N, C-alpha and C. Protein backbone atom coordinates (compact mmCIF):
# COMPACT_ATOMS: atom_id res chain seq x y z
N MET A 1 -2.01 -4.76 -6.46
CA MET A 1 -1.49 -3.89 -5.59
C MET A 1 -0.95 -4.20 -4.26
N SER A 2 -2.02 -5.10 -3.71
CA SER A 2 -1.89 -5.02 -2.64
C SER A 2 -0.67 -6.60 -2.50
N LEU A 3 -0.45 -6.93 -3.06
CA LEU A 3 0.34 -7.96 -2.99
C LEU A 3 1.70 -7.86 -2.74
N VAL A 4 2.07 -6.74 -2.92
CA VAL A 4 3.49 -5.73 -3.11
C VAL A 4 3.48 -5.07 -2.03
N PHE A 5 2.74 -4.10 -1.91
CA PHE A 5 2.31 -2.81 -1.01
C PHE A 5 1.34 -2.97 -0.02
N ASP A 6 1.62 -2.36 0.94
CA ASP A 6 0.86 -2.19 2.02
C ASP A 6 0.25 -0.66 2.40
N SER A 7 -1.23 -0.62 3.17
CA SER A 7 -1.57 0.77 3.72
C SER A 7 -1.51 0.84 5.23
N LEU A 8 -2.09 2.12 5.65
CA LEU A 8 -1.81 2.33 7.29
C LEU A 8 -2.93 1.32 7.99
N ILE A 9 -3.65 1.19 7.07
CA ILE A 9 -5.40 0.79 7.29
C ILE A 9 -5.84 -0.65 6.54
N VAL A 10 -6.45 -1.79 6.67
CA VAL A 10 -7.48 -2.17 5.62
C VAL A 10 -8.71 -2.50 6.54
N TYR A 11 -9.71 -3.10 5.31
CA TYR A 11 -10.83 -3.30 6.39
C TYR A 11 -10.70 -4.39 6.53
N ASP A 12 -11.72 -4.51 7.89
CA ASP A 12 -12.32 -6.31 8.38
C ASP A 12 -13.36 -6.38 7.37
N ASN A 13 -13.84 -7.43 7.96
CA ASN A 13 -15.20 -7.91 7.26
C ASN A 13 -16.32 -7.30 7.16
N GLN A 14 -16.53 -6.36 8.34
CA GLN A 14 -17.52 -5.85 8.47
C GLN A 14 -17.47 -4.40 8.18
N CYS A 15 -15.94 -4.07 7.36
CA CYS A 15 -16.01 -2.94 6.64
C CYS A 15 -15.47 -1.99 7.39
N LYS A 16 -15.07 -2.46 8.56
CA LYS A 16 -14.15 -1.07 9.43
C LYS A 16 -12.79 -1.12 9.15
N PRO A 17 -12.67 0.20 9.69
CA PRO A 17 -10.91 0.50 9.37
C PRO A 17 -10.08 -0.27 10.82
N VAL A 18 -9.23 -1.48 10.51
CA VAL A 18 -8.28 -2.11 10.97
C VAL A 18 -7.00 -1.84 10.89
N PRO A 19 -6.03 -1.49 11.85
CA PRO A 19 -4.63 -1.52 11.60
C PRO A 19 -4.04 -2.31 10.56
N CYS A 20 -3.26 -1.87 9.49
CA CYS A 20 -2.21 -2.79 9.11
C CYS A 20 -0.65 -2.35 9.56
N LEU A 21 -0.13 -1.21 8.62
CA LEU A 21 0.89 -0.85 8.84
C LEU A 21 0.88 0.09 10.18
N ALA A 22 -0.25 0.56 10.48
CA ALA A 22 -0.34 1.30 11.54
C ALA A 22 -0.75 0.19 12.63
N GLU A 23 -0.22 1.16 13.93
CA GLU A 23 -0.51 0.11 15.20
C GLU A 23 -1.66 1.02 15.78
N SER A 24 -1.60 2.01 16.10
CA SER A 24 -2.86 2.78 16.10
C SER A 24 -2.98 4.13 15.93
N TRP A 25 -4.05 4.39 16.32
CA TRP A 25 -4.44 6.15 15.83
C TRP A 25 -5.42 6.89 17.15
N GLU A 26 -5.14 7.45 17.31
CA GLU A 26 -6.59 8.46 17.64
C GLU A 26 -6.73 10.25 17.36
N THR A 27 -7.53 10.65 18.06
CA THR A 27 -7.54 12.20 17.55
C THR A 27 -8.37 12.42 18.75
N LYS A 28 -7.46 13.94 19.79
CA LYS A 28 -7.99 14.45 20.69
C LYS A 28 -9.04 15.46 20.69
N ASP A 29 -8.98 16.23 19.60
CA ASP A 29 -9.37 17.40 18.79
C ASP A 29 -10.64 17.35 18.26
N GLY A 30 -11.14 16.15 18.26
CA GLY A 30 -12.37 16.59 17.71
C GLY A 30 -12.42 15.80 15.92
N GLY A 31 -11.20 15.57 15.82
CA GLY A 31 -10.92 14.96 14.28
C GLY A 31 -10.09 16.00 13.13
N ILE A 32 -9.51 17.05 13.80
CA ILE A 32 -8.54 17.93 13.39
C ILE A 32 -7.29 17.29 12.98
N THR A 33 -6.54 16.85 14.10
CA THR A 33 -5.38 16.18 14.19
C THR A 33 -5.58 14.62 14.79
N TRP A 34 -4.92 14.01 13.95
CA TRP A 34 -4.80 12.32 13.84
C TRP A 34 -3.45 11.98 13.90
N SER A 35 -3.18 11.37 15.08
CA SER A 35 -2.07 10.65 15.71
C SER A 35 -2.35 9.56 15.18
N PHE A 36 -1.04 9.12 14.48
CA PHE A 36 -0.69 7.47 14.31
C PHE A 36 0.48 7.32 14.55
N LYS A 37 0.40 5.55 14.70
CA LYS A 37 1.44 5.29 15.56
C LYS A 37 1.84 4.15 14.35
N ILE A 38 2.79 3.74 13.90
CA ILE A 38 3.51 2.79 13.18
C ILE A 38 3.93 1.57 13.74
N LYS A 39 3.93 0.51 13.35
CA LYS A 39 4.12 -0.51 13.69
C LYS A 39 5.64 -0.73 13.56
N GLU A 40 6.70 -0.95 14.45
CA GLU A 40 8.23 -0.87 14.04
C GLU A 40 8.71 -2.24 13.55
N ASN A 41 9.84 -2.49 13.22
CA ASN A 41 10.71 -3.67 12.60
C ASN A 41 9.97 -4.08 11.53
N ILE A 42 9.01 -2.99 10.82
CA ILE A 42 8.88 -3.33 9.32
C ILE A 42 9.56 -2.97 7.91
N TYR A 43 9.90 -3.88 7.01
CA TYR A 43 11.49 -3.55 6.10
C TYR A 43 10.35 -3.45 4.75
N PHE A 44 10.73 -2.37 3.88
CA PHE A 44 10.57 -2.94 2.46
C PHE A 44 11.33 -3.83 1.99
N HIS A 45 11.19 -4.39 0.75
CA HIS A 45 11.52 -5.52 0.40
C HIS A 45 12.98 -5.37 -0.14
N ASP A 46 13.38 -4.07 -0.17
CA ASP A 46 15.11 -3.81 -0.11
C ASP A 46 15.53 -3.71 0.97
N ASP A 47 14.91 -4.11 1.89
CA ASP A 47 15.25 -4.42 3.43
C ASP A 47 15.33 -2.86 4.21
N SER A 48 15.27 -1.84 3.98
CA SER A 48 14.85 -0.61 4.07
C SER A 48 14.13 -0.23 5.07
N VAL A 49 13.97 0.56 6.11
CA VAL A 49 13.28 0.49 7.04
C VAL A 49 12.20 1.30 7.09
N PHE A 50 10.99 0.92 7.28
CA PHE A 50 9.62 1.71 7.12
C PHE A 50 9.69 2.61 7.97
N THR A 51 9.27 4.23 8.18
CA THR A 51 8.88 5.01 8.96
C THR A 51 7.96 5.78 8.64
N VAL A 52 7.74 6.65 9.38
CA VAL A 52 6.63 7.58 9.39
C VAL A 52 7.19 8.87 8.27
N TYR A 53 8.05 8.79 7.80
CA TYR A 53 8.64 9.47 6.52
C TYR A 53 8.49 9.12 5.62
N ASP A 54 7.94 7.85 5.31
CA ASP A 54 7.23 7.19 3.97
C ASP A 54 6.09 7.38 4.26
N VAL A 55 5.27 7.36 5.33
CA VAL A 55 4.12 7.84 5.30
C VAL A 55 3.90 9.19 4.84
N LYS A 56 4.29 10.21 5.33
CA LYS A 56 4.20 11.67 5.17
C LYS A 56 4.41 11.76 3.70
N ASN A 57 5.94 11.47 3.56
CA ASN A 57 6.11 11.89 1.71
C ASN A 57 5.23 11.32 0.60
N THR A 58 4.48 9.82 1.46
CA THR A 58 3.37 9.55 0.01
C THR A 58 2.14 10.28 0.17
N LEU A 59 1.83 11.06 1.19
CA LEU A 59 0.84 11.37 1.38
C LEU A 59 0.97 12.69 0.73
N GLU A 60 1.89 13.46 0.64
CA GLU A 60 2.54 14.64 0.22
C GLU A 60 2.52 14.33 -1.35
N TRP A 61 3.00 13.53 -1.91
CA TRP A 61 3.03 12.83 -3.27
C TRP A 61 1.54 12.52 -3.76
N ILE A 62 0.66 12.22 -3.35
CA ILE A 62 -0.76 11.89 -3.48
C ILE A 62 -1.41 13.23 -3.42
N LYS A 63 -1.11 14.21 -2.77
CA LYS A 63 -1.87 15.20 -2.81
C LYS A 63 -1.52 16.23 -3.68
N ASN A 64 0.19 16.73 -4.01
CA ASN A 64 0.34 16.97 -5.33
C ASN A 64 0.44 16.37 -6.75
N ASN A 65 0.20 15.48 -6.83
CA ASN A 65 -0.20 14.80 -7.96
C ASN A 65 -1.47 14.31 -8.18
N ASP A 66 -1.95 14.37 -9.48
CA ASP A 66 -3.12 13.85 -9.85
C ASP A 66 -3.36 12.07 -9.94
N SER A 67 -3.87 11.62 -8.41
CA SER A 67 -3.60 10.33 -8.58
C SER A 67 -5.20 9.87 -8.11
N PHE A 68 -5.00 8.59 -8.51
CA PHE A 68 -6.96 7.77 -7.85
C PHE A 68 -7.05 7.81 -6.33
N TYR A 69 -6.01 8.06 -5.39
CA TYR A 69 -5.66 8.18 -3.91
C TYR A 69 -5.68 9.92 -4.00
N SER A 70 -5.79 10.62 -4.59
CA SER A 70 -5.93 12.34 -4.22
C SER A 70 -6.90 12.47 -3.16
N TYR A 71 -8.30 12.00 -2.77
CA TYR A 71 -9.19 11.99 -1.98
C TYR A 71 -8.89 11.68 -0.47
N CYS A 72 -7.73 11.01 -0.49
CA CYS A 72 -7.27 10.57 0.54
C CYS A 72 -6.26 11.70 1.72
N ALA A 73 -5.88 12.76 0.67
CA ALA A 73 -5.04 13.38 1.19
C ALA A 73 -5.42 14.92 0.87
N GLU A 74 -6.49 15.22 0.34
CA GLU A 74 -7.07 16.61 -0.31
C GLU A 74 -7.18 17.52 1.18
N SER A 75 -7.83 16.65 2.34
CA SER A 75 -8.04 17.71 3.42
C SER A 75 -6.51 18.16 4.51
N VAL A 76 -5.63 17.51 4.27
CA VAL A 76 -4.11 17.36 4.83
C VAL A 76 -4.01 18.59 4.36
N VAL A 77 -3.32 19.82 6.05
CA VAL A 77 -2.55 20.92 6.00
C VAL A 77 -1.17 20.83 6.24
N SER A 78 -1.05 19.73 7.40
CA SER A 78 0.51 19.58 7.62
C SER A 78 0.59 18.49 8.37
N TYR A 79 1.70 18.41 8.90
CA TYR A 79 2.51 17.23 9.96
C TYR A 79 3.21 17.55 10.66
N LYS A 80 3.06 16.68 11.89
CA LYS A 80 3.98 17.10 12.86
C LYS A 80 4.93 15.38 13.18
N ILE A 81 5.93 15.31 12.93
CA ILE A 81 6.64 14.20 13.07
C ILE A 81 7.17 14.11 14.56
N LYS A 82 6.68 13.26 15.33
CA LYS A 82 7.15 13.24 16.73
C LYS A 82 8.11 12.07 16.92
N SER A 83 7.88 11.17 16.34
CA SER A 83 9.13 10.18 16.03
C SER A 83 9.50 9.44 14.74
N GLN A 84 10.49 8.77 14.56
CA GLN A 84 10.50 7.54 13.33
C GLN A 84 8.81 6.84 13.47
N TYR A 85 8.21 6.74 14.35
CA TYR A 85 7.13 5.57 14.04
C TYR A 85 5.97 6.65 15.01
N GLU A 86 5.78 7.76 15.21
CA GLU A 86 5.01 8.65 15.61
C GLU A 86 4.32 9.76 14.50
N ILE A 87 3.22 10.14 14.23
CA ILE A 87 3.10 11.50 13.13
C ILE A 87 1.44 11.84 13.54
N ASP A 88 1.83 13.25 13.72
CA ASP A 88 0.57 13.85 13.61
C ASP A 88 0.26 14.61 12.23
N ILE A 89 -0.89 14.07 11.54
CA ILE A 89 -1.03 14.64 10.40
C ILE A 89 -2.97 15.76 10.63
N ILE A 90 -2.27 16.92 10.47
CA ILE A 90 -3.58 17.87 10.73
C ILE A 90 -4.35 18.58 9.51
N LEU A 91 -5.58 18.30 9.60
CA LEU A 91 -6.42 18.38 8.65
C LEU A 91 -7.19 19.86 8.72
N ALA A 92 -7.22 20.53 7.63
CA ALA A 92 -7.81 21.60 6.99
C ALA A 92 -9.54 21.76 8.05
N GLU A 93 -10.39 20.91 8.40
CA GLU A 93 -11.22 20.72 9.13
C GLU A 93 -11.78 19.27 9.77
N ALA A 94 -12.30 19.04 10.66
CA ALA A 94 -12.56 18.03 11.48
C ALA A 94 -13.29 16.97 9.99
N ASP A 95 -12.49 15.58 10.30
CA ASP A 95 -12.91 14.52 9.54
C ASP A 95 -12.92 13.30 10.24
N ALA A 96 -14.15 12.73 11.17
CA ALA A 96 -14.19 11.69 11.58
C ALA A 96 -14.09 10.53 11.15
N LEU A 97 -14.01 10.26 9.90
CA LEU A 97 -13.71 9.08 8.88
C LEU A 97 -12.41 9.22 8.23
N PHE A 98 -11.88 10.33 8.70
CA PHE A 98 -10.29 10.45 7.85
C PHE A 98 -9.08 8.91 7.98
N PRO A 99 -9.35 8.28 9.05
CA PRO A 99 -8.59 7.27 9.33
C PRO A 99 -8.87 5.94 8.13
N SER A 100 -9.96 5.93 7.69
CA SER A 100 -10.83 5.36 6.69
C SER A 100 -10.04 5.52 5.24
N LYS A 101 -9.44 6.51 5.28
CA LYS A 101 -8.75 7.28 3.84
C LYS A 101 -7.44 6.76 3.80
N MET A 102 -6.96 6.01 5.01
CA MET A 102 -5.36 5.90 5.15
C MET A 102 -5.37 4.56 4.64
N ASN A 103 -6.11 4.13 3.34
CA ASN A 103 -5.82 2.72 2.78
C ASN A 103 -5.42 2.55 1.43
N PHE A 104 -4.32 3.59 1.30
CA PHE A 104 -3.40 3.52 0.11
C PHE A 104 -2.21 2.81 0.15
N PRO A 105 -1.78 2.56 -0.98
CA PRO A 105 -0.25 1.91 -0.89
C PRO A 105 1.10 2.81 -0.61
N ILE A 106 1.35 2.45 0.70
CA ILE A 106 2.43 3.48 0.84
C ILE A 106 3.96 2.82 0.27
N LEU A 107 4.49 3.87 -0.37
CA LEU A 107 5.94 3.87 -1.18
C LEU A 107 7.05 4.22 -0.37
N LYS A 108 7.80 3.93 -0.71
CA LYS A 108 9.21 4.00 -0.16
C LYS A 108 9.56 5.46 -0.08
N SER A 109 9.77 6.57 0.21
CA SER A 109 10.37 7.65 0.04
C SER A 109 10.77 7.99 -1.62
N GLU A 110 12.15 7.51 -1.46
CA GLU A 110 12.70 7.55 -2.50
C GLU A 110 12.18 7.11 -3.66
N ASN A 111 11.18 6.20 -4.01
CA ASN A 111 10.64 5.36 -4.97
C ASN A 111 9.45 6.26 -5.66
N LEU A 112 9.04 7.30 -4.62
CA LEU A 112 8.05 8.18 -5.02
C LEU A 112 8.47 9.19 -6.41
N GLY A 113 7.38 9.22 -7.16
CA GLY A 113 7.60 9.62 -8.93
C GLY A 113 8.04 9.12 -9.63
N GLY A 114 7.76 7.68 -9.30
CA GLY A 114 8.47 6.82 -10.54
C GLY A 114 9.92 6.42 -10.40
N GLY A 115 10.61 6.36 -9.60
CA GLY A 115 11.95 6.55 -9.53
C GLY A 115 12.47 5.54 -9.13
N PHE A 116 11.80 4.18 -9.72
CA PHE A 116 12.21 2.81 -9.86
C PHE A 116 11.58 1.94 -10.58
N THR A 117 12.62 0.69 -11.07
CA THR A 117 12.01 0.14 -11.64
C THR A 117 11.24 -1.69 -11.08
N THR A 118 11.80 -1.58 -9.68
CA THR A 118 11.24 -2.78 -9.19
C THR A 118 10.64 -2.53 -7.96
N PRO A 119 9.06 -2.80 -7.99
CA PRO A 119 8.38 -2.78 -7.00
C PRO A 119 8.92 -2.98 -5.53
N ASN A 120 8.39 -2.02 -4.62
CA ASN A 120 9.48 -2.18 -3.69
C ASN A 120 8.68 -1.73 -2.38
N GLY A 121 7.99 -2.78 -1.97
CA GLY A 121 6.84 -2.47 -1.04
C GLY A 121 7.12 -3.03 0.46
N THR A 122 5.82 -3.55 1.26
CA THR A 122 6.26 -4.00 2.68
C THR A 122 5.08 -4.91 2.45
N GLY A 123 4.91 -5.24 1.80
CA GLY A 123 3.51 -6.27 1.43
C GLY A 123 4.28 -7.88 1.64
N VAL A 124 2.92 -8.38 1.63
CA VAL A 124 3.29 -9.77 1.90
C VAL A 124 3.99 -10.48 0.60
N TYR A 125 3.87 -10.18 -0.35
CA TYR A 125 4.97 -10.62 -1.82
C TYR A 125 5.86 -9.93 -2.07
N LYS A 126 6.44 -10.60 -2.51
CA LYS A 126 7.86 -9.56 -3.26
C LYS A 126 8.03 -9.95 -4.66
N TYR A 127 8.40 -8.87 -5.06
CA TYR A 127 8.64 -8.82 -6.55
C TYR A 127 9.88 -9.47 -6.99
N ILE A 128 9.82 -10.55 -8.09
CA ILE A 128 11.42 -10.99 -8.00
C ILE A 128 11.53 -10.51 -9.61
N ASN A 129 10.96 -11.02 -10.65
CA ASN A 129 11.27 -10.80 -11.92
C ASN A 129 9.92 -10.64 -12.84
N SER A 130 10.38 -10.12 -14.08
CA SER A 130 9.26 -10.31 -15.05
C SER A 130 10.27 -10.95 -16.34
N LEU A 131 9.41 -12.01 -17.06
CA LEU A 131 9.80 -12.59 -18.25
C LEU A 131 8.60 -12.42 -19.53
N ASP A 132 8.99 -11.48 -20.26
CA ASP A 132 7.81 -11.49 -21.68
C ASP A 132 7.15 -10.81 -20.92
N ASP A 133 5.75 -11.89 -20.85
CA ASP A 133 4.23 -11.03 -20.13
C ASP A 133 4.16 -11.81 -18.85
N LYS A 134 5.24 -12.56 -18.09
CA LYS A 134 4.94 -13.02 -17.17
C LYS A 134 5.80 -12.05 -15.65
N TYR A 135 4.94 -11.89 -14.58
CA TYR A 135 5.30 -11.51 -13.89
C TYR A 135 5.16 -12.40 -12.40
N ILE A 136 6.60 -12.22 -11.87
CA ILE A 136 6.69 -13.55 -10.70
C ILE A 136 7.37 -12.92 -9.03
N PHE A 137 6.03 -13.37 -8.34
CA PHE A 137 6.14 -13.01 -7.00
C PHE A 137 6.43 -14.12 -6.01
N GLU A 138 7.15 -13.86 -4.68
CA GLU A 138 7.36 -14.95 -3.86
C GLU A 138 7.12 -13.96 -2.52
N VAL A 139 6.79 -15.04 -1.76
CA VAL A 139 6.52 -14.66 -0.29
C VAL A 139 7.99 -13.82 0.42
N ASN A 140 7.23 -12.61 0.70
CA ASN A 140 8.27 -11.37 1.80
C ASN A 140 8.83 -12.68 2.77
N LYS A 141 9.77 -12.71 3.05
CA LYS A 141 10.16 -13.36 4.54
C LYS A 141 10.34 -12.84 5.64
N LYS A 142 10.45 -11.39 5.33
CA LYS A 142 10.31 -10.28 6.50
C LYS A 142 9.05 -10.04 6.57
N TYR A 143 8.08 -10.27 6.08
CA TYR A 143 6.70 -9.92 6.11
C TYR A 143 6.05 -9.85 7.47
N PHE A 144 5.50 -8.70 8.37
CA PHE A 144 5.26 -8.75 9.59
C PHE A 144 4.08 -9.39 10.08
N GLY A 145 3.07 -9.54 9.00
CA GLY A 145 1.90 -10.33 8.93
C GLY A 145 2.14 -11.90 8.68
N ASN A 146 0.58 -12.31 8.95
CA ASN A 146 0.28 -13.62 8.59
C ASN A 146 0.94 -13.91 7.31
N PHE A 147 1.88 -15.34 7.30
CA PHE A 147 2.31 -15.85 6.17
C PHE A 147 1.29 -16.52 5.13
N PRO A 148 0.76 -16.45 3.91
CA PRO A 148 0.21 -17.36 3.08
C PRO A 148 0.12 -18.47 2.75
N LYS A 149 -0.55 -19.23 2.15
CA LYS A 149 -0.08 -20.39 1.77
C LYS A 149 0.35 -20.77 0.61
N ILE A 150 -0.09 -19.93 -0.21
CA ILE A 150 0.61 -19.90 -1.64
C ILE A 150 2.07 -18.91 -1.43
N LYS A 151 3.21 -19.76 -1.60
CA LYS A 151 4.64 -19.11 -1.98
C LYS A 151 5.00 -18.36 -2.82
N ASN A 152 4.39 -18.74 -3.84
CA ASN A 152 4.36 -18.38 -5.26
C ASN A 152 3.56 -17.71 -6.16
N ILE A 153 3.83 -16.84 -6.64
CA ILE A 153 2.61 -16.57 -7.87
C ILE A 153 3.47 -15.83 -9.09
N GLU A 154 2.54 -16.21 -9.98
CA GLU A 154 3.16 -15.94 -11.50
C GLU A 154 1.74 -15.24 -12.05
N ILE A 155 2.03 -13.77 -12.43
CA ILE A 155 0.68 -13.47 -13.22
C ILE A 155 1.13 -13.38 -15.13
N GLN A 156 0.32 -13.62 -15.40
CA GLN A 156 0.46 -13.48 -16.92
C GLN A 156 -0.36 -13.17 -17.71
N CYS A 157 0.03 -12.08 -18.32
CA CYS A 157 -1.01 -11.29 -19.31
C CYS A 157 -1.23 -11.94 -20.36
N PHE A 158 -2.70 -12.25 -20.82
CA PHE A 158 -2.98 -12.54 -22.17
C PHE A 158 -3.67 -11.60 -23.10
N VAL A 159 -3.24 -11.41 -24.43
CA VAL A 159 -4.16 -10.76 -25.23
C VAL A 159 -5.00 -11.00 -25.36
N ASP A 160 -5.71 -12.55 -25.88
CA ASP A 160 -6.88 -12.63 -26.41
C ASP A 160 -6.92 -14.08 -25.62
N ALA A 161 -8.36 -14.38 -25.87
CA ALA A 161 -8.70 -15.65 -25.49
C ALA A 161 -8.21 -16.97 -26.07
N GLU A 162 -7.91 -16.62 -27.14
CA GLU A 162 -7.39 -17.79 -27.61
C GLU A 162 -6.10 -18.47 -26.79
N ALA A 163 -5.11 -17.50 -26.29
CA ALA A 163 -3.95 -17.94 -25.79
C ALA A 163 -4.50 -18.47 -24.11
N LEU A 164 -5.81 -18.02 -23.94
CA LEU A 164 -6.06 -18.62 -22.47
C LEU A 164 -6.49 -20.26 -22.69
N ASN A 165 -6.81 -20.65 -24.12
CA ASN A 165 -7.15 -22.00 -24.16
C ASN A 165 -5.63 -22.75 -24.36
N LYS A 166 -5.21 -21.65 -24.79
CA LYS A 166 -3.24 -22.76 -25.19
C LYS A 166 -2.46 -22.87 -23.92
N SER A 167 -2.84 -22.56 -22.73
CA SER A 167 -1.96 -22.37 -21.44
C SER A 167 -2.88 -23.16 -19.89
N ASN A 168 -1.96 -23.25 -19.18
CA ASN A 168 -2.60 -23.54 -17.88
C ASN A 168 -2.75 -22.37 -17.27
N VAL A 169 -4.24 -22.06 -16.93
CA VAL A 169 -4.76 -20.68 -16.17
C VAL A 169 -5.21 -21.58 -15.05
N ASP A 170 -4.88 -21.15 -13.82
CA ASP A 170 -5.78 -21.35 -12.63
C ASP A 170 -6.65 -20.59 -11.89
N VAL A 171 -6.60 -19.07 -12.27
CA VAL A 171 -7.48 -18.07 -12.46
C VAL A 171 -7.92 -16.69 -13.30
N ILE A 172 -8.87 -16.66 -13.70
CA ILE A 172 -9.28 -15.57 -14.68
C ILE A 172 -9.84 -14.38 -14.12
N LEU A 173 -9.46 -13.25 -14.37
CA LEU A 173 -9.78 -12.03 -13.66
C LEU A 173 -10.27 -11.38 -14.85
N ASN A 174 -11.52 -10.45 -14.79
CA ASN A 174 -12.00 -9.83 -15.96
C ASN A 174 -12.59 -8.46 -15.50
N PHE A 175 -11.77 -7.77 -16.32
CA PHE A 175 -11.88 -6.00 -16.11
C PHE A 175 -12.45 -5.47 -17.02
N GLY A 176 -13.50 -5.27 -17.27
CA GLY A 176 -14.50 -4.88 -18.57
C GLY A 176 -13.70 -5.71 -20.18
N ASP A 177 -12.92 -4.72 -20.54
CA ASP A 177 -12.73 -5.16 -21.75
C ASP A 177 -11.20 -6.20 -21.48
N ASN A 178 -10.58 -5.79 -20.35
CA ASN A 178 -9.52 -6.68 -20.19
C ASN A 178 -9.42 -8.02 -19.24
N VAL A 179 -8.72 -9.02 -19.74
CA VAL A 179 -9.16 -10.26 -18.99
C VAL A 179 -7.46 -10.78 -18.35
N ILE A 180 -7.22 -10.98 -17.33
CA ILE A 180 -6.10 -10.89 -16.42
C ILE A 180 -5.69 -12.44 -16.00
């Protein structure tokens, strides 16, 4: 997921939250209101501009749906949009760890609720297409961060281990009973 979608924060190698889509954040009232400023000139893969409306709408969708990321938004009670790039997120009670919860994928507002067929994120890789059981990604040329050394990625799903023996495989990921 992090190939295609970014979050407001990511964790550094000491597990501290650091900015990704966020430029900065602060609280002035002990952790009830968190002010986030997002980076400007960030684009979704369809060339639309990323704004705090996408942050707000993604948080609302997460809060109102049974999501893996529900814990990120459970204490949010309201929002104050200060500009296209600044938002206050108001919580029910103080939470000093709230910025560390801002590590969920941000979706374009219009794509929330499954209203899309092509993944459309701000991430370093852009989904190109899928053929049978292969998914093709290429570097997002408008990415705001560091560019990876690998320009294209092809992900292929295998049904069984025998298929692996017949293919040219560079990496195998195993999640319990699922091998990717």
